[in-house]
Amino acid sequence: MAAADFDALPSLKRLSIQYCGMTGKWLSLILQHVRALEELHLVTGLSIEGKENSLSNLTSAPRALSQGNPYQDGASTRPCPNKLLWIPSNLIPSLKKMSIAFCKLKFLGNKECFSGFTSLEKLRIVECPELISSLVREDEIDDQANGRWLLPYSLGILDIHDASLETLHPCFPGDLTRLKVLEVSENDALKSLQLHSCTALEELTIRCCKSLDALEGVRSLRSLRYLEVYRCPGLPQCLESLSTQGYELCPRLERLRIDDPSFLTTAFCKHLTSPQCLKLVDEYALIDMAGLTCEQEAALQLLASLQQL
C-alpha cells in the first residue's frame, strides 16, 4: 500500500480505534490512505511495537511529513518512530469530529497551529492531561495569556473532561466564534474559566470542578439558553457577586440545572427573566435536606416564566 500510494479507503468517513493495542505507526499509515475522513475517535489501547505492553508516550501533530509515507526518506531516523501518531495534512480539510479518550498523547509544534483544523466542528477530550497541557499556554508571565487555547473558528462543540488545568481560556482566530456548546467537567484543579471569547455560546455545562470560583466573561454570554452547575461549590457565590454589581447576566437563559437549592436564593437566579425549565438534581446524594427553606420557596416563586420543574 505504501509503495504504491494506494488509496485503500477512499470513501471512509468515520474511523474509531478502541482498546486494540494498535501502534501509533500503523494508525498513522492508515490515516495516510484515507481522503474523506470526517470523524476520528481514539480510545486508549495505542501502543508501540515490541515487547512492551504499557501505553507509550505518543505524540501528535496536525501536519504530515513532506513525503507521502512518514517512515521513508530519512523519516525513520527520527527517535522512536513507532511512538509517533501523525495526523496527516490531507485530513485537516475534512475532519469534522474528533474525540480522544484515555490516551497519552502530546501535541507537537506551535500551540497556535491547532486552529488550522478549519473544518473541525466537535472536539471531545477525556483524561488526556498531557495533550491538553501541550495545547494550552501555562506558566506564562502574562496572566492574560495563561490558560489561552486557540481553537478553530469552525468549532461548535467543545467537551473537556479532567484537563488538570488551573485556568482555561478558549479563544478563536480574530475573536470570531461559532462555539455553541461548552462542557467542562471533572477538573479539580480548575480555578478560573474565561469565557470572554465565547460570545455565541448557547449551552454551558460545568460539573465537578470543586476549586472553580472565577467565571470571567459571563456578560459576554448574551445567547446562553442552558446552564448546568453541578458540584461546583464556588460558582454560586461567583455569580452572586457579578449579579450584585449590576450586570445583566444571561438574559435569554431558558433552562437551568443545579444540584443545590440554595442557588435559587442568589441574586443571579432572582434576576433571571426567562427560565422555562428548572432541574434540581443530586446524583450522589451529597445534600442532606428535608425540603426547601422558606427563603428558597420564595425565590422559586419569583421564576414566573417557569413551565417545567
C-alpha atoms as a PDB file:
ATOM      1  CA  MET A   1       0.000   0.000   0.000  1.00  0.00           C
ATOM      2  CA  ALA A   2       2.674   2.491   0.988  1.00  0.00           C
ATOM      3  CA  ALA A   3       4.885   1.787  -2.001  1.00  0.00           C
ATOM      4  CA  ALA A   4       2.019   2.029  -4.467  1.00  0.00           C
ATOM      5  CA  ASP A   5       0.492   5.075  -2.771  1.00  0.00           C
ATOM      6  CA  PHE A   6      -2.745   3.091  -2.863  1.00  0.00           C
ATOM      7  CA  ASP A   7      -5.981   4.736  -1.712  1.00  0.00           C
ATOM      8  CA  ALA A   8      -7.283   1.728   0.185  1.00  0.00           C
ATOM      9  CA  LEU A   9     -10.183   3.520   1.868  1.00  0.00           C
ATOM     10  CA  PRO A  10     -11.186   6.382  -0.437  1.00  0.00           C
ATOM     11  CA  SER A  11     -14.745   6.715   0.936  1.00  0.00           C
ATOM     12  CA  LEU A  12     -14.126   6.132   4.653  1.00  0.00           C
ATOM     13  CA  LYS A  13     -15.823   8.853   6.705  1.00  0.00           C
ATOM     14  CA  ARG A  14     -15.698   7.536  10.287  1.00  0.00           C
ATOM     15  CA  LEU A  15     -12.802   5.715  11.989  1.00  0.00           C
ATOM     16  CA  SER A  16     -12.946   4.525  15.601  1.00  0.00           C
ATOM     17  CA  ILE A  17      -9.974   2.840  17.312  1.00  0.00           C
ATOM     18  CA  GLN A  18     -10.778   1.414  20.760  1.00  0.00           C
ATOM     19  CA  TYR A  19      -8.816  -0.866  23.095  1.00  0.00           C
ATOM     20  CA  CYS A  20      -6.995  -2.676  20.299  1.00  0.00           C
ATOM     21  CA  GLY A  21      -3.306  -2.156  21.016  1.00  0.00           C
ATOM     22  CA  MET A  22      -2.649  -0.673  17.563  1.00  0.00           C
ATOM     23  CA  THR A  23       0.690   1.088  17.244  1.00  0.00           C
ATOM     24  CA  GLY A  24       0.900   4.776  16.548  1.00  0.00           C
ATOM     25  CA  LYS A  25       2.972   3.998  13.462  1.00  0.00           C
ATOM     26  CA  TRP A  26       0.335   1.828  11.806  1.00  0.00           C
ATOM     27  CA  LEU A  27      -2.528   4.140  12.655  1.00  0.00           C
ATOM     28  CA  SER A  28      -0.553   6.965  11.060  1.00  0.00           C
ATOM     29  CA  LEU A  29      -0.093   4.801   7.971  1.00  0.00           C
ATOM     30  CA  ILE A  30      -3.834   4.132   7.748  1.00  0.00           C
ATOM     31  CA  LEU A  31      -4.561   7.843   8.032  1.00  0.00           C
ATOM     32  CA  GLN A  32      -2.213   8.492   5.116  1.00  0.00           C
ATOM     33  CA  HIS A  33      -4.532   6.451   2.886  1.00  0.00           C
ATOM     34  CA  VAL A  34      -7.910   7.982   3.601  1.00  0.00           C
ATOM     35  CA  ARG A  35      -9.165  11.051   1.808  1.00  0.00           C
ATOM     36  CA  ALA A  36     -12.673  11.801   3.066  1.00  0.00           C
ATOM     37  CA  LEU A  37     -12.435  11.128   6.819  1.00  0.00           C
ATOM     38  CA  GLU A  38     -14.839  13.294   8.815  1.00  0.00           C
ATOM     39  CA  GLU A  39     -14.797  11.598  12.243  1.00  0.00           C
ATOM     40  CA  LEU A  40     -11.828  10.218  14.212  1.00  0.00           C
ATOM     41  CA  HIS A  41     -12.329   8.580  17.612  1.00  0.00           C
ATOM     42  CA  LEU A  42      -9.425   7.224  19.682  1.00  0.00           C
ATOM     43  CA  VAL A  43      -9.981   5.419  22.976  1.00  0.00           C
ATOM     44  CA  THR A  44      -6.811   4.141  24.723  1.00  0.00           C
ATOM     45  CA  GLY A  45      -5.029   0.961  23.626  1.00  0.00           C
ATOM     46  CA  LEU A  46      -2.498   2.714  21.390  1.00  0.00           C
ATOM     47  CA  SER A  47       0.946   1.285  21.977  1.00  0.00           C
ATOM     48  CA  ILE A  48       4.407   0.841  20.499  1.00  0.00           C
ATOM     49  CA  GLU A  49       5.680  -2.239  18.700  1.00  0.00           C
ATOM     50  CA  GLY A  50       7.812  -4.722  20.585  1.00  0.00           C
ATOM     51  CA  LYS A  51       7.605  -6.444  23.931  1.00  0.00           C
ATOM     52  CA  GLU A  52       6.220  -3.508  25.896  1.00  0.00           C
ATOM     53  CA  ASN A  53       2.552  -3.816  26.754  1.00  0.00           C
ATOM     54  CA  SER A  54       2.076  -0.486  28.510  1.00  0.00           C
ATOM     55  CA  LEU A  55       0.945   2.685  26.802  1.00  0.00           C
ATOM     56  CA  SER A  56       3.702   4.705  25.216  1.00  0.00           C
ATOM     57  CA  ASN A  57       4.082   8.445  25.182  1.00  0.00           C
ATOM     58  CA  LEU A  58       2.562   9.074  21.790  1.00  0.00           C
ATOM     59  CA  THR A  59       2.792  12.416  20.066  1.00  0.00           C
ATOM     60  CA  SER A  60       0.522  14.066  17.571  1.00  0.00           C
ATOM     61  CA  ALA A  61       0.859  16.953  15.166  1.00  0.00           C
ATOM     62  CA  PRO A  62      -1.725  18.391  12.745  1.00  0.00           C
ATOM     63  CA  ARG A  63       0.548  18.074   9.731  1.00  0.00           C
ATOM     64  CA  ALA A  64       2.170  15.373   7.636  1.00  0.00           C
ATOM     65  CA  LEU A  65       5.818  14.949   6.842  1.00  0.00           C
ATOM     66  CA  SER A  66       6.788  16.179   3.421  1.00  0.00           C
ATOM     67  CA  GLN A  67       6.645  12.703   1.875  1.00  0.00           C
ATOM     68  CA  GLY A  68       3.537  10.569   1.462  1.00  0.00           C
ATOM     69  CA  ASN A  69       4.934   7.918   3.809  1.00  0.00           C
ATOM     70  CA  PRO A  70       6.309   9.428   7.027  1.00  0.00           C
ATOM     71  CA  TYR A  71       8.647   6.483   7.542  1.00  0.00           C
ATOM     72  CA  GLN A  72      10.559   6.791   4.275  1.00  0.00           C
ATOM     73  CA  ASP A  73      13.217   9.198   3.019  1.00  0.00           C
ATOM     74  CA  GLY A  74      15.016   9.625   6.296  1.00  0.00           C
ATOM     75  CA  ALA A  75      11.977   9.972   8.492  1.00  0.00           C
ATOM     76  CA  SER A  76      12.747   6.585  10.016  1.00  0.00           C
ATOM     77  CA  THR A  77      15.824   8.112  11.633  1.00  0.00           C
ATOM     78  CA  ARG A  78      13.608  10.089  13.974  1.00  0.00           C
ATOM     79  CA  PRO A  79      13.773   8.747  17.545  1.00  0.00           C
ATOM     80  CA  CYS A  80      11.218   6.022  18.312  1.00  0.00           C
ATOM     81  CA  PRO A  81       9.102   6.434  15.133  1.00  0.00           C
ATOM     82  CA  ASN A  82       6.633   3.848  16.401  1.00  0.00           C
ATOM     83  CA  LYS A  83       5.704   6.213  19.207  1.00  0.00           C
ATOM     84  CA  LEU A  84       4.582   8.904  16.793  1.00  0.00           C
ATOM     85  CA  LEU A  85       0.988   9.389  15.771  1.00  0.00           C
ATOM     86  CA  TRP A  86       0.746  11.817  12.873  1.00  0.00           C
ATOM     87  CA  ILE A  87      -2.464  13.487  11.764  1.00  0.00           C
ATOM     88  CA  PRO A  88      -1.547  13.975   8.094  1.00  0.00           C
ATOM     89  CA  SER A  89      -2.304  17.215   6.319  1.00  0.00           C
ATOM     90  CA  ASN A  90      -4.682  15.522   3.885  1.00  0.00           C
ATOM     91  CA  LEU A  91      -7.179  15.072   6.753  1.00  0.00           C
ATOM     92  CA  ILE A  92      -7.162  18.627   8.065  1.00  0.00           C
ATOM     93  CA  PRO A  93      -9.650  19.977   5.481  1.00  0.00           C
ATOM     94  CA  SER A  94     -12.130  17.110   6.036  1.00  0.00           C
ATOM     95  CA  LEU A  95     -12.078  16.321   9.784  1.00  0.00           C
ATOM     96  CA  LYS A  96     -15.303  17.499  11.410  1.00  0.00           C
ATOM     97  CA  LYS A  97     -15.453  15.479  14.637  1.00  0.00           C
ATOM     98  CA  MET A  98     -12.613  14.253  16.816  1.00  0.00           C
ATOM     99  CA  SER A  99     -12.678  12.567  20.219  1.00  0.00           C
ATOM    100  CA  ILE A 100      -9.658  11.345  22.166  1.00  0.00           C
ATOM    101  CA  ALA A 101     -10.008   9.494  25.473  1.00  0.00           C
ATOM    102  CA  PHE A 102      -7.513   7.996  27.926  1.00  0.00           C
ATOM    103  CA  CYS A 103      -4.580   8.393  25.526  1.00  0.00           C
ATOM    104  CA  LYS A 104      -1.066   9.532  26.404  1.00  0.00           C
ATOM    105  CA  LEU A 105      -0.782  11.964  23.519  1.00  0.00           C
ATOM    106  CA  LYS A 106       1.052  15.242  23.119  1.00  0.00           C
ATOM    107  CA  PHE A 107       0.692  17.956  20.525  1.00  0.00           C
ATOM    108  CA  LEU A 108       3.931  18.846  18.743  1.00  0.00           C
ATOM    109  CA  GLY A 109       4.694  22.232  17.291  1.00  0.00           C
ATOM    110  CA  ASN A 110       3.305  25.721  17.710  1.00  0.00           C
ATOM    111  CA  LYS A 111       0.280  25.817  20.018  1.00  0.00           C
ATOM    112  CA  GLU A 112      -1.393  28.254  17.633  1.00  0.00           C
ATOM    113  CA  CYS A 113      -1.454  25.796  14.728  1.00  0.00           C
ATOM    114  CA  PHE A 114      -4.210  23.673  16.276  1.00  0.00           C
ATOM    115  CA  SER A 115      -6.572  26.339  14.971  1.00  0.00           C
ATOM    116  CA  GLY A 116      -5.618  25.102  11.496  1.00  0.00           C
ATOM    117  CA  PHE A 117      -8.270  22.349  11.699  1.00  0.00           C
ATOM    118  CA  THR A 118     -10.603  24.679   9.863  1.00  0.00           C
ATOM    119  CA  SER A 119     -13.431  22.143   9.369  1.00  0.00           C
ATOM    120  CA  LEU A 120     -13.498  20.800  12.937  1.00  0.00           C
ATOM    121  CA  GLU A 121     -16.985  21.146  14.414  1.00  0.00           C
ATOM    122  CA  LYS A 122     -16.856  18.929  17.515  1.00  0.00           C
ATOM    123  CA  LEU A 123     -13.923  18.151  19.830  1.00  0.00           C
ATOM    124  CA  ARG A 124     -14.059  15.886  22.878  1.00  0.00           C
ATOM    125  CA  ILE A 125     -11.009  15.167  25.064  1.00  0.00           C
ATOM    126  CA  VAL A 126     -11.318  12.885  28.091  1.00  0.00           C
ATOM    127  CA  GLU A 127      -8.499  12.297  30.599  1.00  0.00           C
ATOM    128  CA  CYS A 128      -5.637  13.270  28.308  1.00  0.00           C
ATOM    129  CA  PRO A 129      -3.821  15.784  30.558  1.00  0.00           C
ATOM    130  CA  GLU A 130      -0.590  15.662  28.545  1.00  0.00           C
ATOM    131  CA  LEU A 131      -2.455  16.517  25.357  1.00  0.00           C
ATOM    132  CA  ILE A 132      -4.296  19.441  26.948  1.00  0.00           C
ATOM    133  CA  SER A 133      -1.154  20.839  28.567  1.00  0.00           C
ATOM    134  CA  SER A 134       0.633  20.703  25.209  1.00  0.00           C
ATOM    135  CA  LEU A 135      -2.151  22.781  23.621  1.00  0.00           C
ATOM    136  CA  VAL A 136      -2.865  25.322  26.368  1.00  0.00           C
ATOM    137  CA  ARG A 137      -0.494  28.077  27.472  1.00  0.00           C
ATOM    138  CA  GLU A 138       0.567  27.662  31.096  1.00  0.00           C
ATOM    139  CA  ASP A 139       3.044  29.342  33.441  1.00  0.00           C
ATOM    140  CA  GLU A 140       3.131  32.464  31.298  1.00  0.00           C
ATOM    141  CA  ILE A 141       4.499  35.714  32.675  1.00  0.00           C
ATOM    142  CA  ASP A 142       1.478  37.448  31.161  1.00  0.00           C
ATOM    143  CA  ASP A 143      -1.575  36.401  33.186  1.00  0.00           C
ATOM    144  CA  GLN A 144      -3.815  37.342  30.271  1.00  0.00           C
ATOM    145  CA  ALA A 145      -2.192  34.641  28.145  1.00  0.00           C
ATOM    146  CA  ASN A 146      -2.224  31.979  30.836  1.00  0.00           C
ATOM    147  CA  GLY A 147      -4.713  29.228  30.002  1.00  0.00           C
ATOM    148  CA  ARG A 148      -5.191  30.506  26.449  1.00  0.00           C
ATOM    149  CA  TRP A 149      -6.226  27.823  23.974  1.00  0.00           C
ATOM    150  CA  LEU A 150      -6.550  28.871  20.343  1.00  0.00           C
ATOM    151  CA  LEU A 151      -9.337  26.818  18.730  1.00  0.00           C
ATOM    152  CA  PRO A 152     -10.644  26.653  15.152  1.00  0.00           C
ATOM    153  CA  TYR A 153     -13.288  29.175  14.183  1.00  0.00           C
ATOM    154  CA  SER A 154     -15.423  26.300  12.860  1.00  0.00           C
ATOM    155  CA  LEU A 155     -15.724  24.600  16.284  1.00  0.00           C
ATOM    156  CA  GLY A 156     -19.292  24.379  17.573  1.00  0.00           C
ATOM    157  CA  ILE A 157     -18.996  21.849  20.434  1.00  0.00           C
ATOM    158  CA  LEU A 158     -16.139  21.550  22.954  1.00  0.00           C
ATOM    159  CA  ASP A 159     -16.219  18.866  25.653  1.00  0.00           C
ATOM    160  CA  ILE A 160     -13.271  18.706  28.097  1.00  0.00           C
ATOM    161  CA  HIS A 161     -13.001  16.167  30.933  1.00  0.00           C
ATOM    162  CA  ASP A 162     -10.219  16.002  33.538  1.00  0.00           C
ATOM    163  CA  ALA A 163      -7.845  18.502  31.977  1.00  0.00           C
ATOM    164  CA  SER A 164      -5.667  19.206  35.072  1.00  0.00           C
ATOM    165  CA  LEU A 165      -5.637  22.947  34.392  1.00  0.00           C
ATOM    166  CA  GLU A 166      -5.879  25.897  36.763  1.00  0.00           C
ATOM    167  CA  THR A 167      -7.006  28.337  34.049  1.00  0.00           C
ATOM    168  CA  LEU A 168      -8.867  27.676  30.818  1.00  0.00           C
ATOM    169  CA  HIS A 169      -9.455  30.384  28.223  1.00  0.00           C
ATOM    170  CA  PRO A 170     -10.939  29.162  24.915  1.00  0.00           C
ATOM    171  CA  CYS A 171     -10.298  31.706  22.161  1.00  0.00           C
ATOM    172  CA  PHE A 172     -10.579  31.870  18.394  1.00  0.00           C
ATOM    173  CA  PRO A 173      -8.802  33.493  15.428  1.00  0.00           C
ATOM    174  CA  GLY A 174      -9.901  37.084  15.008  1.00  0.00           C
ATOM    175  CA  ASP A 175     -12.216  36.731  18.045  1.00  0.00           C
ATOM    176  CA  LEU A 176     -14.786  35.128  15.712  1.00  0.00           C
ATOM    177  CA  THR A 177     -16.554  32.109  17.145  1.00  0.00           C
ATOM    178  CA  ARG A 178     -19.246  29.577  16.353  1.00  0.00           C
ATOM    179  CA  LEU A 179     -18.889  27.738  19.669  1.00  0.00           C
ATOM    180  CA  LYS A 180     -22.392  26.974  20.927  1.00  0.00           C
ATOM    181  CA  VAL A 181     -21.831  24.139  23.414  1.00  0.00           C
ATOM    182  CA  LEU A 182     -19.120  24.025  26.090  1.00  0.00           C
ATOM    183  CA  GLU A 183     -18.788  21.323  28.749  1.00  0.00           C
ATOM    184  CA  VAL A 184     -16.035  21.332  31.360  1.00  0.00           C
ATOM    185  CA  SER A 185     -16.092  18.594  33.972  1.00  0.00           C
ATOM    186  CA  GLU A 186     -14.093  16.509  36.454  1.00  0.00           C
ATOM    187  CA  ASN A 187     -11.342  19.104  36.835  1.00  0.00           C
ATOM    188  CA  ASP A 188     -10.465  19.569  40.497  1.00  0.00           C
ATOM    189  CA  ALA A 189      -7.546  21.873  39.685  1.00  0.00           C
ATOM    190  CA  LEU A 190      -9.527  24.400  37.635  1.00  0.00           C
ATOM    191  CA  LYS A 191      -9.811  27.769  39.376  1.00  0.00           C
ATOM    192  CA  SER A 192     -10.703  30.140  36.536  1.00  0.00           C
ATOM    193  CA  LEU A 193     -12.795  29.700  33.390  1.00  0.00           C
ATOM    194  CA  GLN A 194     -12.606  32.641  30.996  1.00  0.00           C
ATOM    195  CA  LEU A 195     -15.479  32.983  28.556  1.00  0.00           C
ATOM    196  CA  HIS A 196     -14.811  36.399  27.009  1.00  0.00           C
ATOM    197  CA  SER A 197     -14.396  34.863  23.533  1.00  0.00           C
ATOM    198  CA  CYS A 198     -17.413  32.540  23.731  1.00  0.00           C
ATOM    199  CA  THR A 199     -19.925  35.130  22.579  1.00  0.00           C
ATOM    200  CA  ALA A 200     -22.063  32.649  20.581  1.00  0.00           C
ATOM    201  CA  LEU A 201     -22.391  30.146  23.436  1.00  0.00           C
ATOM    202  CA  GLU A 202     -25.871  28.670  23.923  1.00  0.00           C
ATOM    203  CA  GLU A 203     -25.172  25.778  26.319  1.00  0.00           C
ATOM    204  CA  LEU A 204     -22.710  25.773  29.239  1.00  0.00           C
ATOM    205  CA  THR A 205     -22.181  22.760  31.496  1.00  0.00           C
ATOM    206  CA  ILE A 206     -19.744  22.875  34.420  1.00  0.00           C
ATOM    207  CA  ARG A 207     -19.570  19.744  36.544  1.00  0.00           C
ATOM    208  CA  CYS A 208     -17.384  18.559  39.407  1.00  0.00           C
ATOM    209  CA  CYS A 209     -14.897  21.432  39.455  1.00  0.00           C
ATOM    210  CA  LYS A 210     -14.586  21.923  43.206  1.00  0.00           C
ATOM    211  CA  SER A 211     -11.890  24.644  43.041  1.00  0.00           C
ATOM    212  CA  LEU A 212     -13.579  26.768  40.377  1.00  0.00           C
ATOM    213  CA  ASP A 213     -14.546  30.127  41.837  1.00  0.00           C
ATOM    214  CA  ALA A 214     -13.889  32.545  38.969  1.00  0.00           C
ATOM    215  CA  LEU A 215     -16.110  32.719  35.922  1.00  0.00           C
ATOM    216  CA  GLU A 216     -14.841  35.523  33.722  1.00  0.00           C
ATOM    217  CA  GLY A 217     -16.702  36.970  30.758  1.00  0.00           C
ATOM    218  CA  VAL A 218     -20.218  35.904  31.798  1.00  0.00           C
ATOM    219  CA  ARG A 219     -21.545  39.218  30.498  1.00  0.00           C
ATOM    220  CA  SER A 220     -20.494  38.072  27.012  1.00  0.00           C
ATOM    221  CA  LEU A 221     -22.957  35.168  27.136  1.00  0.00           C
ATOM    222  CA  ARG A 222     -25.893  37.050  25.687  1.00  0.00           C
ATOM    223  CA  SER A 223     -27.132  33.988  23.765  1.00  0.00           C
ATOM    224  CA  LEU A 224     -26.894  31.437  26.592  1.00  0.00           C
ATOM    225  CA  ARG A 225     -30.043  29.304  26.845  1.00  0.00           C
ATOM    226  CA  TYR A 226     -28.900  26.362  29.012  1.00  0.00           C
ATOM    227  CA  LEU A 227     -26.765  26.430  32.162  1.00  0.00           C
ATOM    228  CA  GLU A 228     -25.766  23.482  34.334  1.00  0.00           C
ATOM    229  CA  VAL A 229     -23.788  23.953  37.532  1.00  0.00           C
ATOM    230  CA  TYR A 230     -23.159  20.713  39.377  1.00  0.00           C
ATOM    231  CA  ARG A 231     -20.788  20.057  42.294  1.00  0.00           C
ATOM    232  CA  CYS A 232     -19.059  23.395  41.857  1.00  0.00           C
ATOM    233  CA  PRO A 233     -19.394  24.961  45.330  1.00  0.00           C
ATOM    234  CA  GLY A 234     -17.581  28.179  44.429  1.00  0.00           C
ATOM    235  CA  LEU A 235     -19.715  29.166  41.419  1.00  0.00           C
ATOM    236  CA  PRO A 236     -22.947  30.302  43.132  1.00  0.00           C
ATOM    237  CA  GLN A 237     -21.014  32.901  45.129  1.00  0.00           C
ATOM    238  CA  CYS A 238     -19.151  33.969  41.991  1.00  0.00           C
ATOM    239  CA  LEU A 239     -22.402  34.533  40.080  1.00  0.00           C
ATOM    240  CA  GLU A 240     -23.903  36.231  43.126  1.00  0.00           C
ATOM    241  CA  SER A 241     -21.025  38.692  43.195  1.00  0.00           C
ATOM    242  CA  LEU A 242     -21.366  39.501  39.499  1.00  0.00           C
ATOM    243  CA  SER A 243     -25.130  39.991  39.793  1.00  0.00           C
ATOM    244  CA  THR A 244     -24.874  42.364  42.746  1.00  0.00           C
ATOM    245  CA  GLN A 245     -22.537  44.573  40.699  1.00  0.00           C
ATOM    246  CA  GLY A 246     -25.492  45.480  38.496  1.00  0.00           C
ATOM    247  CA  TYR A 247     -24.578  43.314  35.498  1.00  0.00           C
ATOM    248  CA  GLU A 248     -27.397  41.758  33.491  1.00  0.00           C
ATOM    249  CA  LEU A 249     -26.377  38.113  33.151  1.00  0.00           C
ATOM    250  CA  CYS A 250     -27.751  35.510  30.739  1.00  0.00           C
ATOM    251  CA  PRO A 251     -30.890  37.416  29.640  1.00  0.00           C
ATOM    252  CA  ARG A 252     -32.022  34.558  27.355  1.00  0.00           C
ATOM    253  CA  LEU A 253     -31.489  31.682  29.784  1.00  0.00           C
ATOM    254  CA  GLU A 254     -34.328  29.159  29.406  1.00  0.00           C
ATOM    255  CA  ARG A 255     -33.072  26.002  31.161  1.00  0.00           C
ATOM    256  CA  LEU A 256     -31.224  25.728  34.459  1.00  0.00           C
ATOM    257  CA  ARG A 257     -29.885  22.518  36.057  1.00  0.00           C
ATOM    258  CA  ILE A 258     -28.444  22.752  39.580  1.00  0.00           C
ATOM    259  CA  ASP A 259     -27.715  20.421  42.497  1.00  0.00           C
ATOM    260  CA  ASP A 260     -28.165  22.797  45.437  1.00  0.00           C
ATOM    261  CA  PRO A 261     -31.497  24.606  46.066  1.00  0.00           C
ATOM    262  CA  SER A 262     -29.652  27.390  47.890  1.00  0.00           C
ATOM    263  CA  PHE A 263     -28.564  28.526  44.426  1.00  0.00           C
ATOM    264  CA  LEU A 264     -32.141  29.751  43.961  1.00  0.00           C
ATOM    265  CA  THR A 265     -31.642  32.449  46.577  1.00  0.00           C
ATOM    266  CA  THR A 266     -28.702  34.090  44.811  1.00  0.00           C
ATOM    267  CA  ALA A 267     -29.119  37.402  43.072  1.00  0.00           C
ATOM    268  CA  PHE A 268     -28.241  35.635  39.811  1.00  0.00           C
ATOM    269  CA  CYS A 269     -31.357  33.445  39.947  1.00  0.00           C
ATOM    270  CA  LYS A 270     -33.589  36.211  41.253  1.00  0.00           C
ATOM    271  CA  HIS A 271     -32.695  38.388  38.255  1.00  0.00           C
ATOM    272  CA  LEU A 272     -33.430  35.733  35.621  1.00  0.00           C
ATOM    273  CA  THR A 273     -36.335  36.808  33.424  1.00  0.00           C
ATOM    274  CA  SER A 274     -36.951  33.914  31.036  1.00  0.00           C
ATOM    275  CA  PRO A 275     -36.273  30.464  32.631  1.00  0.00           C
ATOM    276  CA  GLN A 276     -38.769  27.872  31.454  1.00  0.00           C
ATOM    277  CA  CYS A 277     -37.247  24.669  32.860  1.00  0.00           C
ATOM    278  CA  LEU A 278     -35.591  24.084  36.246  1.00  0.00           C
ATOM    279  CA  LYS A 279     -33.989  20.790  37.279  1.00  0.00           C
ATOM    280  CA  LEU A 280     -32.795  20.067  40.817  1.00  0.00           C
ATOM    281  CA  VAL A 281     -30.538  17.008  40.680  1.00  0.00           C
ATOM    282  CA  ASP A 282     -28.403  15.495  43.435  1.00  0.00           C
ATOM    283  CA  GLU A 283     -26.941  12.434  41.709  1.00  0.00           C
ATOM    284  CA  TYR A 284     -24.621  11.451  44.564  1.00  0.00           C
ATOM    285  CA  ALA A 285     -26.989  12.245  47.466  1.00  0.00           C
ATOM    286  CA  LEU A 286     -24.493  14.723  48.891  1.00  0.00           C
ATOM    287  CA  ILE A 287     -27.018  17.318  50.068  1.00  0.00           C
ATOM    288  CA  ASP A 288     -28.928  16.468  53.237  1.00  0.00           C
ATOM    289  CA  MET A 289     -32.215  18.333  53.228  1.00  0.00           C
ATOM    290  CA  ALA A 290     -35.844  17.627  54.050  1.00  0.00           C
ATOM    291  CA  GLY A 291     -37.273  20.270  51.746  1.00  0.00           C
ATOM    292  CA  LEU A 292     -36.952  23.827  50.553  1.00  0.00           C
ATOM    293  CA  THR A 293     -36.464  26.548  53.130  1.00  0.00           C
ATOM    294  CA  CYS A 294     -38.917  29.443  53.260  1.00  0.00           C
ATOM    295  CA  GLU A 295     -36.352  31.658  51.509  1.00  0.00           C
ATOM    296  CA  GLN A 296     -35.840  29.054  48.777  1.00  0.00           C
ATOM    297  CA  GLU A 297     -39.609  28.676  48.278  1.00  0.00           C
ATOM    298  CA  ALA A 298     -39.965  32.425  47.932  1.00  0.00           C
ATOM    299  CA  ALA A 299     -37.138  32.511  45.402  1.00  0.00           C
ATOM    300  CA  LEU A 300     -38.745  29.687  43.412  1.00  0.00           C
ATOM    301  CA  GLN A 301     -41.998  31.632  43.171  1.00  0.00           C
ATOM    302  CA  LEU A 302     -40.117  34.542  41.583  1.00  0.00           C
ATOM    303  CA  LEU A 303     -39.478  32.376  38.490  1.00  0.00           C
ATOM    304  CA  ALA A 304     -42.790  33.354  36.947  1.00  0.00           C
ATOM    305  CA  SER A 305     -41.863  32.105  33.466  1.00  0.00           C
ATOM    306  CA  LEU A 306     -41.225  28.534  34.697  1.00  0.00           C
ATOM    307  CA  GLN A 307     -43.091  25.816  32.780  1.00  0.00           C
ATOM    308  CA  GLN A 308     -41.223  22.658  33.814  1.00  0.00           C
ATOM    309  CA  LEU A 309     -39.881  21.644  37.232  1.00  0.00           C
END
